[in-house]
Amino acid sequence: MNIIFLIAKRFLIPRNMLEGGIINIISFLGLFIGSMSIILSVAVLNGFQGILEDETRKIYGDYAIINFDYNEDKELVEKFEKNGIKYAPYYEEEFFISKNKKQSLVNLKTVDNLRFHNFYDLELIEENKNLNHGEAIIGKSLADKMDLSIGDSISIYSTNLNMSYLAMPSTKELIIKNIFQNRILRSDEFLVFTVSREYNLSNNKFTHIEMIGTIDGMILKENKNIISWKERNRQLFDATEIEKKITFFTLFLIIVVASFNLSSSVMQIATKKTREMAILSTFGMSKNSISSIFLVYGYLLATSAIVSGILFALLIIYIQNTLGVFVLNPEFYLVSILPMEISVKDISLLLFYSMIIIGLFATLPLMFIKKIRPIELINKNI
């Protein structure tokens, strides 16, 4: 095996670079660029997905108990308190908001006033996070649409209308205490926060509970009403996963095309090395051993190119995360610095699929090599 590796290495780094090295360099660059492009593109998508996850947790927490019932879920809440898991009871209703003949449909999220301040990490215009009964925090997009500002009074009307002529829709008057921004989820277009000082867990007014922290896997299996932030926004995150897979597949075509060039390189090296093949055959080297030389040559070339591309991409990611070289306009991209994040799983998938493709294209020329008889090789070089 050592002699096969040494000969393959000599083919990869020939003495005359102008004669044999150009083919290797072209094949190397194609695979290098392909692997680097995949890692960088996936890293950027992961970065934006990470921001999306952070912004989701700020508003929805890590988990939620849907259709909370105090009698059934009392022990579960007590476990959360013992394990130091933060939770915020709330109920949510649809209302029409009205001001100056402008109307908009909003979700009014009424939270336990004792837990609101330390639970939600909202990006507020003013630093004051205190929210009292009769006050509300609305989204910036909604405020711009309705021409609302801090200190304004708004009227909200329930969407549960009674068709009786004697009935009037349920209304509330709220003072805008602060304005939050969360354009990534577009929640600042429809979500309004307020607090309640009247309700508690035991009177079943709160219908849901949001939580921040790590929940034991057994608890998740036993309680089907507990769902994660990702399940609550499944459509959004499924879309980002599909986008990442499409990007990976599309850029992987660069490696596929470069593998055609790799196959051509193996074939050209094989045709130029007929003299060496004849000598090896004369010394008793089998066809399989000679084929192994070119297979090892193909893998050495491809693996070195792909690993180099991955390492170069990781260097760029490290520089970006450390120095923030690539700057974005936050008005369009929501962040000021291009986010990049890569995982071992992404790198492993790239290496796995690359080795399969490379093995396929590096093996094709060997079918031609195995058909050549040693006596033909000797006659060609006499």
Foldseek 3Di string as FASTA:
>chain_A
DVVLLVLLVCQQPPPDCVVQVVLLVLLLVLLLVLLLQLQFVLQLLVQVVVVVVVLLCLPFNFKKQFQDACVVCVVVVVVCVVVVKAKKFWDWAWKWKDDPRDIDIAIEIAIAQVRQQPRHDFAWPDPDSHADAQAKEAEPQQCVVRVHDAQDKMKIWGPPDDPDPVDDTDMGIHGYHIYTYDVVVPNRNHYMYHYDPPDDNNVSPGRMMGIHDDDDPVVCVVRVSMDTSCVVVVVVVVVSVVVSVVSSVVSVVSLLVSLLSLLVSLLVSLVVCLLVVLVCVVVPDDLVSVLSSLLSSLCVSSVVSSVNSNVVSVVVLVCCVVPQPAADDCVPVVDGGRGTDDDPVSVVVSVVVSVVSSNVSSCVSSVVSSVDDSVNSVVVVD
